[in-house]
């Protein structure tokens, strides 16, 4: 679904006027509304959020509030899909801007995944392969793993999910983020060089040969996060030179060499907890999205906190949730019109819910 243009009457509003109208609309909707804000959102959006967190945490929160008629998800499309799957049919999940997608999620579509699965089935015993999809994926991919004995994972529980998968089969197909898959499998002692391969959906037979398929235990999809791909070992080395005693923590969507060069790696929630609870006076170089790092630095003035990337790089698709879009969808709800509702078809939602609930049970 394409995002319709906003009325010029809204786009020409000044920030103070926009905020005033958002507040009025929010008050009118009352307990019928909850607003969810992802950690990577700009401050102008986060300040309106009833809850903030990572994608799965926010979807779970949505499912814990059956009294809310409207769930406005200030994130990206796949997150709103997950919220729709985990909430009731009488609840409307709204994405303020339908163009807020995810470049990583777009790197794998259901046709490509099914083609990969069929190719693997021709060259290995497919019953030995457990499919795992990162939650940063479409509902169709979640449904695929639900139907084929796999599960979803997040950056915080990926290790548990991969361990679970390898207890049920001796191989796994991990998509769409190759880095989270590689980092997780490497933690479990699987050799990235000899026991993993990267499946390129744009190359014949994934760009690999039959021997590599037979020898590998982990099939990684050729996908990545455009923000986390920016972090390098050179940035870490520079931070250690410039800031003596600095501790480096990065997101596991970073490449393996970056994760290995850091002092720690973890999900957005893990990074927030570790840094927030760290002693006063500690110094932190962080490899994740700039809005979250900047907010963390402001909320922890007793510590020195900075982003490893000297070129400020926000999540461009997350940034498409502008206050004007939030105002537009809230005022539409006040007027009885549900705009930008994200709906997952029942047949897809049924199997996707299996993958999500299987993950929650394992975690």
Protein backbone atom coordinates (compact mmCIF):
# COMPACT_ATOMS: atom_id res chain seq x y z
CA UNK A 1 0.00 0.00 0.00
CA UNK A 2 1.31 3.42 -0.99
CA UNK A 3 1.29 6.36 1.36
CA UNK A 4 -1.13 9.07 0.32
CA UNK A 5 0.02 12.67 0.32
CA UNK A 6 -0.80 14.67 3.41
CA UNK A 7 -3.00 17.76 3.16
CA UNK A 8 -0.95 20.92 2.78
CA UNK A 9 -2.84 22.31 5.76
CA UNK A 10 -0.92 19.78 7.88
CA UNK A 11 2.45 19.82 6.14
CA UNK A 12 2.68 23.60 6.54
CA UNK A 13 2.16 23.50 10.31
CA UNK A 14 4.94 24.68 12.58
CA UNK A 15 6.22 22.22 15.22
CA UNK A 16 4.42 23.91 18.12
CA UNK A 17 1.10 23.89 16.28
CA UNK A 18 1.61 20.27 15.27
CA UNK A 19 2.30 19.29 18.88
CA UNK A 20 -0.75 21.17 20.12
CA UNK A 21 -3.07 19.35 17.75
CA UNK A 22 -1.48 15.96 18.48
CA UNK A 23 -2.13 16.54 22.18
CA UNK A 24 -5.78 17.44 21.53
CA UNK A 25 -6.36 14.39 19.32
CA UNK A 26 -4.67 12.14 21.84
CA UNK A 27 -6.88 13.41 24.65
CA UNK A 28 -10.02 12.90 22.58
CA UNK A 29 -9.10 9.30 21.81
CA UNK A 30 -8.30 8.59 25.47
CA UNK A 31 -8.03 4.95 26.49
CA UNK A 32 -8.98 3.80 22.98
CA UNK A 33 -5.45 4.69 21.86
CA UNK A 34 -1.91 3.55 22.62
CA UNK A 35 1.11 4.92 20.79
CA UNK A 36 4.19 2.70 20.45
CA UNK A 37 7.60 4.21 19.69
CA UNK A 38 10.64 2.27 18.55
CA UNK A 39 14.01 3.21 20.08
CA UNK A 40 15.24 4.44 16.68
CA UNK A 41 12.53 7.06 16.34
CA UNK A 42 13.35 10.76 16.54
CA UNK A 43 12.66 12.54 19.83
CA UNK A 44 9.75 14.47 18.29
CA UNK A 45 7.94 11.12 17.99
CA UNK A 46 9.23 9.34 21.10
CA UNK A 47 7.83 12.04 23.37
CA UNK A 48 4.30 10.97 22.36
CA UNK A 49 4.88 7.25 22.89
CA UNK A 50 3.02 5.52 25.70
CA UNK A 51 5.62 2.76 25.42
CA UNK A 52 9.02 2.58 23.78
CA UNK A 53 11.13 -0.46 23.04
CA UNK A 54 12.43 -2.73 20.29
CA UNK A 55 10.14 -4.24 17.69
CA UNK A 56 9.16 -7.42 19.50
CA UNK A 57 8.74 -5.78 22.90
CA UNK A 58 6.35 -3.24 21.39
CA UNK A 59 4.35 -5.93 19.59
CA UNK A 60 4.05 -7.86 22.84
CA UNK A 61 2.90 -4.70 24.62
CA UNK A 62 0.26 -4.23 21.95
CA UNK A 63 -1.00 -7.75 22.63
CA UNK A 64 -1.18 -6.98 26.35
CA UNK A 65 -3.65 -4.12 25.81
CA UNK A 66 -6.86 -5.62 24.44
CA UNK A 67 -8.76 -2.55 25.66
CA UNK A 68 -7.09 -0.33 23.05
CA UNK A 69 -9.14 0.06 19.87
CA UNK A 70 -6.28 1.79 18.06
CA UNK A 71 -2.58 0.94 18.21
CA UNK A 72 -0.47 3.53 16.44
CA UNK A 73 2.90 1.92 15.81
CA UNK A 74 5.68 4.43 15.25
CA UNK A 75 8.12 2.02 13.68
CA UNK A 76 8.30 0.32 10.29
CA UNK A 77 5.95 -1.94 8.35
CA UNK A 78 7.09 -5.37 9.52
CA UNK A 79 6.72 -4.24 13.14
CA UNK A 80 3.12 -3.19 12.57
CA UNK A 81 2.49 -6.58 10.94
CA UNK A 82 3.78 -8.39 14.02
CA UNK A 83 1.54 -6.24 16.22
CA UNK A 84 -1.46 -7.06 14.04
CA UNK A 85 -0.69 -10.79 14.32
CA UNK A 86 -0.47 -10.62 18.12
CA UNK A 87 -3.55 -8.45 18.72
CA UNK A 88 -7.28 -9.09 18.46
CA UNK A 89 -9.36 -8.77 15.27
CA UNK A 90 -11.27 -5.83 16.73
CA UNK A 91 -8.08 -3.81 17.23
CA UNK A 92 -6.68 -1.63 14.46
CA UNK A 93 -2.90 -1.34 14.07
CA UNK A 94 -1.98 1.89 12.32
CA UNK A 95 1.36 2.82 10.74
CA UNK A 96 1.54 6.62 10.44
CA UNK A 97 3.52 6.48 7.18
CA UNK A 98 3.13 3.47 4.91
CA UNK A 99 6.45 4.24 3.22
CA UNK A 100 8.27 3.43 6.47
CA UNK A 101 9.70 0.07 5.52
CA UNK A 102 12.95 -1.77 6.26
CA UNK A 103 15.72 -2.23 3.71
CA UNK A 104 16.78 -5.47 5.39
CA UNK A 105 13.27 -6.91 5.33
CA UNK A 106 13.06 -5.98 1.65
CA UNK A 107 16.14 -8.10 0.90
CA UNK A 108 14.13 -11.32 1.18
CA UNK A 109 10.67 -11.94 -0.26
CA UNK A 110 8.56 -15.07 -0.06
CA UNK A 111 9.17 -16.11 -3.67
CA UNK A 112 12.94 -15.97 -3.14
CA UNK A 113 12.73 -17.93 0.10
CA UNK A 114 10.57 -20.62 -1.48
CA UNK A 115 12.94 -20.86 -4.46
CA UNK A 116 15.89 -21.25 -2.07
CA UNK A 117 14.06 -23.92 -0.09
CA UNK A 118 13.26 -25.87 -3.25
CA UNK A 119 16.86 -25.63 -4.46
CA UNK A 120 18.18 -26.86 -1.12
CA UNK A 121 15.66 -29.71 -1.13
CA UNK A 122 17.09 -30.89 -4.45
CA UNK A 123 20.62 -31.01 -3.05
CA UNK A 124 20.28 -32.04 0.60
CA UNK A 125 17.84 -33.71 2.96
CA UNK A 126 15.54 -30.76 3.65
CA UNK A 127 14.16 -32.42 6.78
CA UNK A 128 17.56 -31.71 8.34
CA UNK A 129 17.21 -27.95 7.69
CA UNK A 130 15.36 -25.73 10.19
CA UNK A 131 14.36 -22.28 8.87
CA UNK A 132 14.82 -19.27 11.16
CA UNK A 133 13.69 -15.77 10.32
CA UNK A 134 14.74 -12.64 12.14
CA UNK A 135 11.70 -10.62 13.24
CA UNK A 136 12.92 -7.95 10.80
CA UNK A 137 11.03 -9.72 8.03
CA UNK A 138 7.60 -9.73 6.44
CA UNK A 139 4.67 -11.68 7.82
CA UNK A 140 4.88 -13.99 4.79
CA UNK A 141 8.39 -15.07 5.81
CA UNK A 142 7.27 -15.62 9.38
CA UNK A 143 4.45 -17.77 8.04
CA UNK A 144 6.93 -19.77 5.96
CA UNK A 145 9.02 -20.74 8.98
CA UNK A 146 5.87 -21.44 10.97
CA UNK A 147 4.71 -23.92 8.31
CA UNK A 148 8.14 -25.53 7.97
CA UNK A 149 8.98 -26.26 11.60
CA UNK A 150 11.04 -23.15 12.26
CA UNK A 151 10.72 -20.08 14.43
CA UNK A 152 11.34 -16.36 14.52
CA UNK A 153 14.14 -14.82 16.53
CA UNK A 154 15.18 -11.41 17.82
CA UNK A 155 18.66 -10.06 18.36
CA UNK A 156 18.26 -10.77 22.08
CA UNK A 157 17.14 -14.40 21.84
CA UNK A 158 18.87 -15.51 18.62
CA UNK A 159 21.27 -17.80 20.48
CA UNK A 160 18.45 -19.69 22.21
CA UNK A 161 16.55 -20.05 18.95
CA UNK A 162 19.58 -21.28 17.01
CA UNK A 163 20.41 -23.78 19.78
CA UNK A 164 16.80 -24.99 19.66
CA UNK A 165 16.95 -25.33 15.88
CA UNK A 166 20.19 -27.29 15.90
CA UNK A 167 18.70 -29.74 18.39
CA UNK A 168 16.02 -30.55 15.80
CA UNK A 169 18.13 -30.58 12.67
CA UNK A 170 21.83 -30.41 11.95
CA UNK A 171 21.46 -27.51 9.50
CA UNK A 172 19.61 -24.21 9.49
CA UNK A 173 18.58 -21.57 6.98
CA UNK A 174 18.82 -18.11 8.57
CA UNK A 175 17.30 -15.04 6.93
CA UNK A 176 17.26 -12.18 6.12
CA UNK A 177 20.25 -10.84 8.12
CA UNK A 178 23.45 -12.73 7.44
CA UNK A 179 25.35 -10.93 10.21
CA UNK A 180 23.06 -11.84 13.10
CA UNK A 181 23.06 -15.42 11.85
CA UNK A 182 26.84 -15.55 11.48
CA UNK A 183 27.54 -13.90 14.84
CA UNK A 184 25.12 -16.19 16.64
CA UNK A 185 26.39 -19.39 15.04
CA UNK A 186 30.00 -18.38 15.65
CA UNK A 187 29.21 -17.93 19.36
CA UNK A 188 28.14 -21.57 19.35
CA UNK A 189 31.46 -22.72 17.89
CA UNK A 190 30.39 -23.08 14.26
CA UNK A 191 33.23 -22.08 11.92
CA UNK A 192 32.23 -19.18 9.64
CA UNK A 193 34.76 -20.23 7.01
CA UNK A 194 34.10 -23.96 6.68
CA UNK A 195 30.60 -24.48 8.09
CA UNK A 196 28.65 -21.47 6.83
CA UNK A 197 27.73 -20.23 3.38
CA UNK A 198 25.96 -17.13 2.06
CA UNK A 199 22.98 -17.71 -0.22
CA UNK A 200 22.65 -14.97 -2.83
CA UNK A 201 19.05 -14.91 -4.10
CA UNK A 202 20.13 -13.06 -7.24
CA UNK A 203 22.65 -15.71 -8.31
CA UNK A 204 22.03 -19.12 -9.86
CA UNK A 205 21.71 -21.76 -7.13
CA UNK A 206 22.40 -19.03 -4.58
CA UNK A 207 25.93 -18.58 -5.92
CA UNK A 208 27.09 -21.78 -4.20
CA UNK A 209 27.88 -25.34 -5.27
CA UNK A 210 26.62 -28.70 -4.11
CA UNK A 211 29.75 -29.39 -2.05
CA UNK A 212 29.35 -26.15 -0.08
CA UNK A 213 25.72 -27.03 0.62
CA UNK A 214 26.71 -30.50 1.82
CA UNK A 215 29.58 -29.25 3.98
CA UNK A 216 27.82 -26.28 5.58
CA UNK A 217 25.68 -26.35 8.68
CA UNK A 218 24.38 -22.80 8.42
CA UNK A 219 22.92 -21.25 5.27
CA UNK A 220 22.96 -17.47 5.63
CA UNK A 221 20.84 -15.17 3.48
CA UNK A 222 22.64 -12.33 1.72
CA UNK A 223 20.94 -9.51 3.64
CA UNK A 224 22.05 -6.82 6.06
CA UNK A 225 21.06 -3.66 7.94
CA UNK A 226 22.22 -0.54 6.10
CA UNK A 227 22.80 1.31 9.39
CA UNK A 228 24.80 -1.38 11.17
CA UNK A 229 26.83 -2.17 8.06
CA UNK A 230 28.45 1.27 8.51
CA UNK A 231 30.34 0.29 11.65
CA UNK A 232 33.93 -0.83 11.18
CA UNK A 233 36.90 -2.10 13.17
CA UNK A 234 38.74 1.09 12.16
CA UNK A 235 36.11 3.13 14.05
CA UNK A 236 36.61 0.94 17.11
CA UNK A 237 40.40 1.34 16.91
CA UNK A 238 40.02 5.12 16.59
CA UNK A 239 37.68 5.27 19.59
CA UNK A 240 40.16 3.32 21.72
CA UNK A 241 42.96 5.72 20.71
CA UNK A 242 40.90 8.87 21.30
CA UNK A 243 39.10 7.81 24.49
CA UNK A 244 41.28 5.85 26.91
CA UNK A 245 39.28 3.36 28.94
CA UNK A 246 36.31 3.41 26.56
CA UNK A 247 34.10 0.32 26.42
CA UNK A 248 32.73 -0.64 23.02
CA UNK A 249 29.32 -2.21 22.59
CA UNK A 250 27.74 -2.92 19.21
CA UNK A 251 24.57 -4.43 17.82
CA UNK A 252 24.86 -8.04 16.50
CA UNK A 253 23.64 -6.84 13.10
CA UNK A 254 27.21 -5.55 12.70
CA UNK A 255 29.73 -7.69 10.83
CA UNK A 256 31.58 -10.48 12.63
CA UNK A 257 34.91 -8.64 12.73
CA UNK A 258 33.24 -5.62 14.37
CA UNK A 259 31.48 -7.77 16.95
CA UNK A 260 34.71 -9.60 17.76
CA UNK A 261 36.61 -6.33 18.13
CA UNK A 262 34.02 -4.88 20.54
CA UNK A 263 33.88 -5.50 24.27
CA UNK A 264 30.25 -6.56 24.05
CA UNK A 265 27.42 -7.00 21.58
CA UNK A 266 23.70 -7.09 22.13
CA UNK A 267 20.22 -5.99 21.18
CA UNK A 268 18.94 -2.45 21.62
CA UNK A 269 17.38 -3.46 24.94
CA UNK A 270 20.65 -5.06 26.08
CA UNK A 271 22.67 -1.98 25.11
CA UNK A 272 20.27 0.29 26.97
CA UNK A 273 20.33 -1.83 30.11
CA UNK A 274 24.09 -2.33 30.17
CA UNK A 275 24.95 1.33 29.64
CA UNK A 276 22.19 2.71 31.88
CA UNK A 277 23.24 0.48 34.78
CA UNK A 278 26.97 1.08 34.29
CA UNK A 279 28.86 3.07 36.96
CA UNK A 280 29.04 6.84 36.68
CA UNK A 281 32.08 8.07 34.85
CA UNK A 282 32.30 5.13 32.46
CA UNK A 283 32.86 5.77 28.76
CA UNK A 284 30.91 4.06 25.99
CA UNK A 285 31.38 3.91 22.25
CA UNK A 286 28.20 2.44 20.77
CA UNK A 287 27.61 0.88 17.38
CA UNK A 288 23.92 1.32 16.67
CA UNK A 289 21.42 3.88 15.35
CA UNK A 290 22.19 7.51 16.21
CA UNK A 291 18.77 8.55 17.58
CA UNK A 292 18.98 5.87 20.24
CA UNK A 293 22.62 6.67 21.10
CA UNK A 294 21.98 10.41 21.35
CA UNK A 295 18.92 9.88 23.57
CA UNK A 296 20.87 7.50 25.79
CA UNK A 297 23.64 10.09 26.15
CA UNK A 298 21.14 12.73 27.24
CA UNK A 299 19.44 10.40 29.71
CA UNK A 300 22.77 9.31 31.25
CA UNK A 301 24.68 12.57 31.75
CA UNK A 302 26.92 10.88 34.34
CA UNK A 303 28.60 8.85 31.59
CA UNK A 304 30.43 9.64 28.36
CA UNK A 305 28.42 8.11 25.50
CA UNK A 306 29.02 8.52 21.78
CA UNK A 307 28.27 6.82 18.47
CA UNK A 308 31.18 5.06 16.78
CA UNK A 309 30.17 6.33 13.35
CA UNK A 310 31.43 9.92 12.86
CA UNK A 311 28.95 10.39 10.01
CA UNK A 312 25.58 10.59 11.74
CA UNK A 313 23.37 8.00 10.10
CA UNK A 314 19.79 7.61 11.30
CA UNK A 315 17.58 4.76 10.12
CA UNK A 316 16.22 6.54 7.05
CA UNK A 317 13.01 4.51 6.80
CA UNK A 318 12.24 4.88 10.51
CA UNK A 319 12.78 8.61 10.04
CA UNK A 320 9.79 8.74 7.72
CA UNK A 321 7.51 8.77 10.76
CA UNK A 322 7.30 12.55 10.98
CA UNK A 323 5.05 14.34 13.51
CA UNK A 324 2.86 15.50 10.61
CA UNK A 325 2.04 11.87 9.81
CA UNK A 326 1.31 11.11 13.44
CA UNK A 327 -1.03 14.10 13.61
CA UNK A 328 -2.78 13.11 10.40
CA UNK A 329 -3.52 9.55 11.52
CA UNK A 330 -4.65 10.63 15.00
CA UNK A 331 -7.02 13.29 13.70
CA UNK A 332 -8.37 10.79 11.17
CA UNK A 333 -9.15 8.40 14.04
CA UNK A 334 -10.88 11.19 15.94
CA UNK A 335 -13.04 11.75 12.84
CA UNK A 336 -13.94 8.05 12.67
CA UNK A 337 -11.63 7.17 9.77
CA UNK A 338 -9.01 4.47 10.26
CA UNK A 339 -6.18 5.29 7.87
CA UNK A 340 -3.06 3.22 7.17
CA UNK A 341 -4.39 0.13 8.91
CA UNK A 342 -1.94 -2.75 8.63
CA UNK A 343 -3.72 -6.06 8.16
CA UNK A 344 -2.12 -9.47 7.76
CA UNK A 345 -4.33 -11.94 5.83
CA UNK A 346 -5.76 -14.65 8.07
CA UNK A 347 -4.01 -17.52 6.28
CA UNK A 348 -0.64 -15.79 6.64
CA UNK A 349 -1.29 -14.63 10.20
CA UNK A 350 -2.16 -18.16 11.36
CA UNK A 351 1.23 -19.61 10.43
CA UNK A 352 3.17 -16.45 11.32
CA UNK A 353 1.64 -16.58 14.79
CA UNK A 354 2.95 -20.15 15.15
CA UNK A 355 6.49 -18.91 14.43
CA UNK A 356 6.19 -16.00 16.86
CA UNK A 357 4.59 -18.05 19.64
CA UNK A 358 7.15 -20.82 19.16
CA UNK A 359 9.89 -18.24 19.64
CA UNK A 360 8.24 -16.87 22.78
CA UNK A 361 7.92 -20.36 24.21
CA UNK A 362 11.59 -21.10 23.57
CA UNK A 363 12.68 -17.78 25.06
